[in-house]
Amino acid sequence: MAEDVSMRAATSITITWGPGPTNGGAPVIDYDIIYYTTADDIIVFRNQTSVKYTATGLTAGKTYTFKVEARNRYGNSASSTPV
C-alpha cells in the first residue's frame, strides 16, 4: 500500500460538525475546539461560533486528536467523539 504523502506533509486541517442530538434546553451559543497530541500538549480554542474550524501550524507527521464541545446558557456539553 502506498503512503499518502499529502497527509504526511499537512500542517493544517479543517474540521466541520453538525448540531448534537439535543441542545439541553437552550440554543447553542458557541463551541470549544480541543485538540492535542499528548495529555501534556492540549490546545483549546473557545467561543467559536461557526461549525467549521481550521487548525493551522500543526506539525507534519504528528497525530492529533480533535474534540468539540457545544456551550449554551447552562454550560458545556459532553465532548464529541474524538477524531
PDB file of N, CA and C in Angstrom:
ATOM      1  N   MET A   1       0.835  -1.160   0.000  1.00  0.00           N
ATOM      2  CA  MET A   1       0.000   0.000   0.000  1.00  0.00           C
ATOM      3  C   MET A   1       0.890   1.237   0.000  1.00  0.00           C
ATOM      4  N   ALA A   2       0.609   2.165  -0.871  1.00  0.00           N
ATOM      5  CA  ALA A   2       1.387   3.398  -0.963  1.00  0.00           C
ATOM      6  C   ALA A   2       1.013   4.347   0.164  1.00  0.00           C
ATOM      7  N   GLU A   3       1.985   5.055   0.693  1.00  0.00           N
ATOM      8  CA  GLU A   3       1.738   6.020   1.750  1.00  0.00           C
ATOM      9  C   GLU A   3       1.204   7.305   1.140  1.00  0.00           C
ATOM     10  N   ASP A   4       0.234   7.934   1.774  1.00  0.00           N
ATOM     11  CA  ASP A   4      -0.355   9.184   1.293  1.00  0.00           C
ATOM     12  C   ASP A   4       0.542  10.334   1.730  1.00  0.00           C
ATOM     13  N   VAL A   5       1.394  10.805   0.824  1.00  0.00           N
ATOM     14  CA  VAL A   5       2.364  11.845   1.131  1.00  0.00           C
ATOM     15  C   VAL A   5       1.669  13.157   1.466  1.00  0.00           C
ATOM     16  N   SER A   6       0.525  13.456   0.855  1.00  0.00           N
ATOM     17  CA  SER A   6      -0.155  14.712   1.118  1.00  0.00           C
ATOM     18  C   SER A   6      -0.593  14.803   2.580  1.00  0.00           C
ATOM     19  N   MET A   7      -1.035  13.705   3.179  1.00  0.00           N
ATOM     20  CA  MET A   7      -1.428  13.719   4.586  1.00  0.00           C
ATOM     21  C   MET A   7      -0.205  13.815   5.493  1.00  0.00           C
ATOM     22  N   ARG A   8       0.861  13.194   5.107  1.00  0.00           N
ATOM     23  CA  ARG A   8       2.076  13.213   5.911  1.00  0.00           C
ATOM     24  C   ARG A   8       2.670  14.615   5.959  1.00  0.00           C
ATOM     25  N   ALA A   9       2.461  15.407   4.930  1.00  0.00           N
ATOM     26  CA  ALA A   9       3.050  16.732   4.848  1.00  0.00           C
ATOM     27  C   ALA A   9       2.096  17.842   5.287  1.00  0.00           C
ATOM     28  N   ALA A  10       0.880  17.513   5.683  1.00  0.00           N
ATOM     29  CA  ALA A  10      -0.112  18.520   6.044  1.00  0.00           C
ATOM     30  C   ALA A  10       0.269  19.249   7.329  1.00  0.00           C
ATOM     31  N   THR A  11       0.077  20.569   7.352  1.00  0.00           N
ATOM     32  CA  THR A  11       0.308  21.369   8.553  1.00  0.00           C
ATOM     33  C   THR A  11      -0.958  22.098   8.992  1.00  0.00           C
ATOM     34  N   SER A  12      -2.084  21.782   8.354  1.00  0.00           N
ATOM     35  CA  SER A  12      -3.368  22.338   8.774  1.00  0.00           C
ATOM     36  C   SER A  12      -4.469  21.338   8.443  1.00  0.00           C
ATOM     37  N   ILE A  13      -5.599  21.500   9.117  1.00  0.00           N
ATOM     38  CA  ILE A  13      -6.746  20.645   8.850  1.00  0.00           C
ATOM     39  C   ILE A  13      -8.007  21.452   9.146  1.00  0.00           C
ATOM     40  N   THR A  14      -9.038  21.225   8.363  1.00  0.00           N
ATOM     41  CA  THR A  14     -10.325  21.853   8.604  1.00  0.00           C
ATOM     42  C   THR A  14     -11.294  20.778   9.065  1.00  0.00           C
ATOM     43  N   ILE A  15     -11.971  21.042  10.175  1.00  0.00           N
ATOM     44  CA  ILE A  15     -12.985  20.120  10.689  1.00  0.00           C
ATOM     45  C   ILE A  15     -14.341  20.822  10.654  1.00  0.00           C
ATOM     46  N   THR A  16     -15.372  20.064  10.419  1.00  0.00           N
ATOM     47  CA  THR A  16     -16.737  20.578  10.456  1.00  0.00           C
ATOM     48  C   THR A  16     -17.585  19.618  11.271  1.00  0.00           C
ATOM     49  N   TRP A  17     -18.680  20.115  11.816  1.00  0.00           N
ATOM     50  CA  TRP A  17     -19.565  19.278  12.616  1.00  0.00           C
ATOM     51  C   TRP A  17     -20.972  19.821  12.504  1.00  0.00           C
ATOM     52  N   GLY A  18     -21.904  19.004  12.885  1.00  0.00           N
ATOM     53  CA  GLY A  18     -23.300  19.404  12.900  1.00  0.00           C
ATOM     54  C   GLY A  18     -23.785  19.504  14.331  1.00  0.00           C
ATOM     55  N   PRO A  19     -25.007  19.980  14.503  1.00  0.00           N
ATOM     56  CA  PRO A  19     -25.540  20.080  15.856  1.00  0.00           C
ATOM     57  C   PRO A  19     -25.710  18.710  16.501  1.00  0.00           C
ATOM     58  N   GLY A  20     -25.633  18.682  17.807  1.00  0.00           N
ATOM     59  CA  GLY A  20     -25.840  17.432  18.531  1.00  0.00           C
ATOM     60  C   GLY A  20     -27.297  17.022  18.507  1.00  0.00           C
ATOM     61  N   PRO A  21     -27.604  15.849  19.037  1.00  0.00           N
ATOM     62  CA  PRO A  21     -28.975  15.347  19.003  1.00  0.00           C
ATOM     63  C   PRO A  21     -29.945  16.178  19.853  1.00  0.00           C
ATOM     64  N   THR A  22     -29.441  16.862  20.884  1.00  0.00           N
ATOM     65  CA  THR A  22     -30.264  17.757  21.701  1.00  0.00           C
ATOM     66  C   THR A  22     -29.420  18.972  22.070  1.00  0.00           C
ATOM     67  N   ASN A  23     -30.093  20.031  22.514  1.00  0.00           N
ATOM     68  CA  ASN A  23     -29.349  21.229  22.897  1.00  0.00           C
ATOM     69  C   ASN A  23     -29.417  21.502  24.400  1.00  0.00           C
ATOM     70  N   GLY A  24     -29.952  20.576  25.167  1.00  0.00           N
ATOM     71  CA  GLY A  24     -30.007  20.728  26.612  1.00  0.00           C
ATOM     72  C   GLY A  24     -31.025  21.752  27.081  1.00  0.00           C
ATOM     73  N   GLY A  25     -31.933  22.143  26.199  1.00  0.00           N
ATOM     74  CA  GLY A  25     -32.985  23.069  26.593  1.00  0.00           C
ATOM     75  C   GLY A  25     -32.729  24.525  26.276  1.00  0.00           C
ATOM     76  N   ALA A  26     -31.613  24.825  25.621  1.00  0.00           N
ATOM     77  CA  ALA A  26     -31.307  26.212  25.250  1.00  0.00           C
ATOM     78  C   ALA A  26     -30.458  26.203  23.979  1.00  0.00           C
ATOM     79  N   PRO A  27     -30.569  27.233  23.165  1.00  0.00           N
ATOM     80  CA  PRO A  27     -29.784  27.284  21.928  1.00  0.00           C
ATOM     81  C   PRO A  27     -28.278  27.293  22.208  1.00  0.00           C
ATOM     82  N   VAL A  28     -27.527  26.740  21.263  1.00  0.00           N
ATOM     83  CA  VAL A  28     -26.059  26.744  21.358  1.00  0.00           C
ATOM     84  C   VAL A  28     -25.567  28.173  21.155  1.00  0.00           C
ATOM     85  N   ILE A  29     -24.685  28.614  22.034  1.00  0.00           N
ATOM     86  CA  ILE A  29     -24.069  29.949  21.933  1.00  0.00           C
ATOM     87  C   ILE A  29     -22.814  29.875  21.074  1.00  0.00           C
ATOM     88  N   ASP A  30     -21.950  28.910  21.386  1.00  0.00           N
ATOM     89  CA  ASP A  30     -20.704  28.748  20.654  1.00  0.00           C
ATOM     90  C   ASP A  30     -20.109  27.374  20.957  1.00  0.00           C
ATOM     91  N   TYR A  31     -18.909  27.130  20.441  1.00  0.00           N
ATOM     92  CA  TYR A  31     -18.246  25.828  20.565  1.00  0.00           C
ATOM     93  C   TYR A  31     -16.825  26.015  21.073  1.00  0.00           C
ATOM     94  N   ASP A  32     -16.333  25.023  21.782  1.00  0.00           N
ATOM     95  CA  ASP A  32     -14.919  24.927  22.136  1.00  0.00           C
ATOM     96  C   ASP A  32     -14.322  23.800  21.301  1.00  0.00           C
ATOM     97  N   ILE A  33     -13.187  24.062  20.686  1.00  0.00           N
ATOM     98  CA  ILE A  33     -12.470  23.040  19.925  1.00  0.00           C
ATOM     99  C   ILE A  33     -11.232  22.682  20.734  1.00  0.00           C
ATOM    100  N   ILE A  34     -11.081  21.403  21.028  1.00  0.00           N
ATOM    101  CA  ILE A  34      -9.963  20.915  21.829  1.00  0.00           C
ATOM    102  C   ILE A  34      -9.166  19.958  20.958  1.00  0.00           C
ATOM    103  N   TYR A  35      -7.853  20.186  20.869  1.00  0.00           N
ATOM    104  CA  TYR A  35      -7.040  19.194  20.160  1.00  0.00           C
ATOM    105  C   TYR A  35      -5.685  19.049  20.826  1.00  0.00           C
ATOM    106  N   TYR A  36      -5.110  17.868  20.620  1.00  0.00           N
ATOM    107  CA  TYR A  36      -3.872  17.548  21.317  1.00  0.00           C
ATOM    108  C   TYR A  36      -3.146  16.405  20.628  1.00  0.00           C
ATOM    109  N   THR A  37      -1.852  16.302  20.965  1.00  0.00           N
ATOM    110  CA  THR A  37      -1.052  15.160  20.530  1.00  0.00           C
ATOM    111  C   THR A  37      -0.810  14.236  21.714  1.00  0.00           C
ATOM    112  N   THR A  38      -0.654  14.816  22.903  1.00  0.00           N
ATOM    113  CA  THR A  38      -0.494  14.063  24.151  1.00  0.00           C
ATOM    114  C   THR A  38      -1.248  14.816  25.242  1.00  0.00           C
ATOM    115  N   ALA A  39      -1.378  14.224  26.395  1.00  0.00           N
ATOM    116  CA  ALA A  39      -2.075  14.866  27.509  1.00  0.00           C
ATOM    117  C   ALA A  39      -1.381  16.155  27.943  1.00  0.00           C
ATOM    118  N   ASP A  40      -0.100  16.300  27.644  1.00  0.00           N
ATOM    119  CA  ASP A  40       0.654  17.494  28.024  1.00  0.00           C
ATOM    120  C   ASP A  40       0.628  18.573  26.953  1.00  0.00           C
ATOM    121  N   ASP A  41      -0.008  18.312  25.826  1.00  0.00           N
ATOM    122  CA  ASP A  41       0.042  19.210  24.666  1.00  0.00           C
ATOM    123  C   ASP A  41      -1.379  19.530  24.198  1.00  0.00           C
ATOM    124  N   ILE A  42      -2.203  20.113  25.092  1.00  0.00           N
ATOM    125  CA  ILE A  42      -3.603  20.377  24.782  1.00  0.00           C
ATOM    126  C   ILE A  42      -3.771  21.826  24.337  1.00  0.00           C
ATOM    127  N   ILE A  43      -4.491  22.020  23.240  1.00  0.00           N
ATOM    128  CA  ILE A  43      -4.801  23.354  22.723  1.00  0.00           C
ATOM    129  C   ILE A  43      -6.316  23.494  22.712  1.00  0.00           C
ATOM    130  N   VAL A  44      -6.827  24.601  23.244  1.00  0.00           N
ATOM    131  CA  VAL A  44      -8.267  24.842  23.283  1.00  0.00           C
ATOM    132  C   VAL A  44      -8.554  26.186  22.631  1.00  0.00           C
ATOM    133  N   PHE A  45      -9.496  26.191  21.697  1.00  0.00           N
ATOM    134  CA  PHE A  45      -9.985  27.438  21.105  1.00  0.00           C
ATOM    135  C   PHE A  45     -11.428  27.592  21.542  1.00  0.00           C
ATOM    136  N   ARG A  46     -11.710  28.640  22.281  1.00  0.00           N
ATOM    137  CA  ARG A  46     -13.041  28.871  22.837  1.00  0.00           C
ATOM    138  C   ARG A  46     -13.824  29.884  22.004  1.00  0.00           C
ATOM    139  N   ASN A  47     -15.122  29.835  22.183  1.00  0.00           N
ATOM    140  CA  ASN A  47     -16.033  30.817  21.610  1.00  0.00           C
ATOM    141  C   ASN A  47     -16.048  30.837  20.086  1.00  0.00           C
ATOM    142  N   GLN A  48     -15.946  29.673  19.485  1.00  0.00           N
ATOM    143  CA  GLN A  48     -16.066  29.558  18.037  1.00  0.00           C
ATOM    144  C   GLN A  48     -17.543  29.524  17.681  1.00  0.00           C
ATOM    145  N   THR A  49     -18.017  30.447  16.869  1.00  0.00           N
ATOM    146  CA  THR A  49     -19.440  30.495  16.557  1.00  0.00           C
ATOM    147  C   THR A  49     -19.777  29.727  15.285  1.00  0.00           C
ATOM    148  N   SER A  50     -18.799  29.328  14.540  1.00  0.00           N
ATOM    149  CA  SER A  50     -19.016  28.578  13.306  1.00  0.00           C
ATOM    150  C   SER A  50     -18.949  27.083  13.582  1.00  0.00           C
ATOM    151  N   VAL A  51     -19.564  26.273  12.697  1.00  0.00           N
ATOM    152  CA  VAL A  51     -19.454  24.813  12.805  1.00  0.00           C
ATOM    153  C   VAL A  51     -18.344  24.302  11.883  1.00  0.00           C
ATOM    154  N   LYS A  52     -17.385  25.165  11.628  1.00  0.00           N
ATOM    155  CA  LYS A  52     -16.215  24.827  10.811  1.00  0.00           C
ATOM    156  C   LYS A  52     -15.007  25.504  11.453  1.00  0.00           C
ATOM    157  N   TYR A  53     -13.902  24.765  11.581  1.00  0.00           N
ATOM    158  CA  TYR A  53     -12.704  25.306  12.204  1.00  0.00           C
ATOM    159  C   TYR A  53     -11.480  24.793  11.469  1.00  0.00           C
ATOM    160  N   THR A  54     -10.520  25.678  11.219  1.00  0.00           N
ATOM    161  CA  THR A  54      -9.268  25.281  10.598  1.00  0.00           C
ATOM    162  C   THR A  54      -8.142  25.446  11.603  1.00  0.00           C
ATOM    163  N   ALA A  55      -7.482  24.355  11.929  1.00  0.00           N
ATOM    164  CA  ALA A  55      -6.313  24.365  12.805  1.00  0.00           C
ATOM    165  C   ALA A  55      -5.086  24.505  11.923  1.00  0.00           C
ATOM    166  N   THR A  56      -4.266  25.497  12.201  1.00  0.00           N
ATOM    167  CA  THR A  56      -3.053  25.732  11.422  1.00  0.00           C
ATOM    168  C   THR A  56      -1.834  25.590  12.319  1.00  0.00           C
ATOM    169  N   GLY A  57      -0.666  25.553  11.714  1.00  0.00           N
ATOM    170  CA  GLY A  57       0.568  25.457  12.485  1.00  0.00           C
ATOM    171  C   GLY A  57       0.809  24.082  13.072  1.00  0.00           C
ATOM    172  N   LEU A  58       0.153  23.072  12.518  1.00  0.00           N
ATOM    173  CA  LEU A  58       0.351  21.703  13.002  1.00  0.00           C
ATOM    174  C   LEU A  58       1.699  21.182  12.520  1.00  0.00           C
ATOM    175  N   THR A  59       2.213  20.197  13.198  1.00  0.00           N
ATOM    176  CA  THR A  59       3.483  19.584  12.817  1.00  0.00           C
ATOM    177  C   THR A  59       3.210  18.402  11.891  1.00  0.00           C
ATOM    178  N   ALA A  60       3.771  18.455  10.683  1.00  0.00           N
ATOM    179  CA  ALA A  60       3.596  17.373   9.713  1.00  0.00           C
ATOM    180  C   ALA A  60       4.092  16.068  10.303  1.00  0.00           C
ATOM    181  N   GLY A  61       3.313  15.011  10.116  1.00  0.00           N
ATOM    182  CA  GLY A  61       3.688  13.685  10.581  1.00  0.00           C
ATOM    183  C   GLY A  61       3.214  13.357  11.993  1.00  0.00           C
ATOM    184  N   LYS A  62       2.765  14.362  12.766  1.00  0.00           N
ATOM    185  CA  LYS A  62       2.243  14.114  14.114  1.00  0.00           C
ATOM    186  C   LYS A  62       0.771  13.743  14.025  1.00  0.00           C
ATOM    187  N   THR A  63       0.322  12.930  14.960  1.00  0.00           N
ATOM    188  CA  THR A  63      -1.091  12.567  15.042  1.00  0.00           C
ATOM    189  C   THR A  63      -1.763  13.472  16.067  1.00  0.00           C
ATOM    190  N   TYR A  64      -2.862  14.101  15.678  1.00  0.00           N
ATOM    191  CA  TYR A  64      -3.626  14.988  16.549  1.00  0.00           C
ATOM    192  C   TYR A  64      -5.000  14.385  16.797  1.00  0.00           C
ATOM    193  N   THR A  65      -5.538  14.606  17.980  1.00  0.00           N
ATOM    194  CA  THR A  65      -6.895  14.192  18.329  1.00  0.00           C
ATOM    195  C   THR A  65      -7.722  15.460  18.514  1.00  0.00           C
ATOM    196  N   PHE A  66      -8.917  15.493  17.902  1.00  0.00           N
ATOM    197  CA  PHE A  66      -9.809  16.650  17.972  1.00  0.00           C
ATOM    198  C   PHE A  66     -11.119  16.272  18.647  1.00  0.00           C
ATOM    199  N   LYS A  67     -11.643  17.192  19.477  1.00  0.00           N
ATOM    200  CA  LYS A  67     -12.963  17.051  20.099  1.00  0.00           C
ATOM    201  C   LYS A  67     -13.634  18.423  20.062  1.00  0.00           C
ATOM    202  N   VAL A  68     -14.966  18.424  20.078  1.00  0.00           N
ATOM    203  CA  VAL A  68     -15.735  19.665  20.094  1.00  0.00           C
ATOM    204  C   VAL A  68     -16.733  19.594  21.243  1.00  0.00           C
ATOM    205  N   GLU A  69     -16.935  20.729  21.917  1.00  0.00           N
ATOM    206  CA  GLU A  69     -17.964  20.854  22.940  1.00  0.00           C
ATOM    207  C   GLU A  69     -18.838  22.056  22.588  1.00  0.00           C
ATOM    208  N   ALA A  70     -20.151  21.886  22.696  1.00  0.00           N
ATOM    209  CA  ALA A  70     -21.082  22.993  22.492  1.00  0.00           C
ATOM    210  C   ALA A  70     -21.321  23.667  23.842  1.00  0.00           C
ATOM    211  N   ARG A  71     -21.611  24.980  23.799  1.00  0.00           N
ATOM    212  CA  ARG A  71     -21.910  25.704  25.039  1.00  0.00           C
ATOM    213  C   ARG A  71     -23.232  26.439  24.870  1.00  0.00           C
ATOM    214  N   ASN A  72     -24.087  26.315  25.863  1.00  0.00           N
ATOM    215  CA  ASN A  72     -25.300  27.119  25.904  1.00  0.00           C
ATOM    216  C   ASN A  72     -25.354  27.814  27.266  1.00  0.00           C
ATOM    217  N   ARG A  73     -26.462  28.434  27.606  1.00  0.00           N
ATOM    218  CA  ARG A  73     -26.518  29.200  28.858  1.00  0.00           C
ATOM    219  C   ARG A  73     -26.351  28.330  30.097  1.00  0.00           C
ATOM    220  N   TYR A  74     -26.503  27.019  29.964  1.00  0.00           N
ATOM    221  CA  TYR A  74     -26.343  26.107  31.094  1.00  0.00           C
ATOM    222  C   TYR A  74     -24.918  25.576  31.238  1.00  0.00           C
ATOM    223  N   GLY A  75     -24.058  25.807  30.251  1.00  0.00           N
ATOM    224  CA  GLY A  75     -22.681  25.330  30.316  1.00  0.00           C
ATOM    225  C   GLY A  75     -22.295  24.528  29.092  1.00  0.00           C
ATOM    226  N   ASN A  76     -21.226  23.773  29.222  1.00  0.00           N
ATOM    227  CA  ASN A  76     -20.692  22.995  28.102  1.00  0.00           C
ATOM    228  C   ASN A  76     -21.309  21.603  28.049  1.00  0.00           C
ATOM    229  N   SER A  77     -21.437  21.108  26.824  1.00  0.00           N
ATOM    230  CA  SER A  77     -21.887  19.739  26.607  1.00  0.00           C
ATOM    231  C   SER A  77     -20.756  18.771  26.908  1.00  0.00           C
ATOM    232  N   ALA A  78     -21.070  17.506  26.860  1.00  0.00           N
ATOM    233  CA  ALA A  78     -20.014  16.490  26.870  1.00  0.00           C
ATOM    234  C   ALA A  78     -19.227  16.635  25.576  1.00  0.00           C
ATOM    235  N   SER A  79     -17.993  16.217  25.572  1.00  0.00           N
ATOM    236  CA  SER A  79     -17.173  16.285  24.360  1.00  0.00           C
ATOM    237  C   SER A  79     -17.698  15.361  23.290  1.00  0.00           C
ATOM    238  N   SER A  80     -17.486  15.754  22.049  1.00  0.00           N
ATOM    239  CA  SER A  80     -17.831  14.880  20.931  1.00  0.00           C
ATOM    240  C   SER A  80     -16.928  13.646  20.961  1.00  0.00           C
ATOM    241  N   THR A  81     -17.236  12.692  20.144  1.00  0.00           N
ATOM    242  CA  THR A  81     -16.369  11.530  19.978  1.00  0.00           C
ATOM    243  C   THR A  81     -15.047  12.018  19.401  1.00  0.00           C
ATOM    244  N   PRO A  82     -13.917  11.661  19.992  1.00  0.00           N
ATOM    245  CA  PRO A  82     -12.630  12.118  19.475  1.00  0.00           C
ATOM    246  C   PRO A  82     -12.363  11.570  18.072  1.00  0.00           C
ATOM    247  N   VAL A  83     -11.773  12.418  17.251  1.00  0.00           N
ATOM    248  CA  VAL A  83     -11.333  12.001  15.911  1.00  0.00           C
ATOM    249  C   VAL A  83      -9.915  12.439  15.700  1.00  0.00           C
TER     250      VAL A  83
END
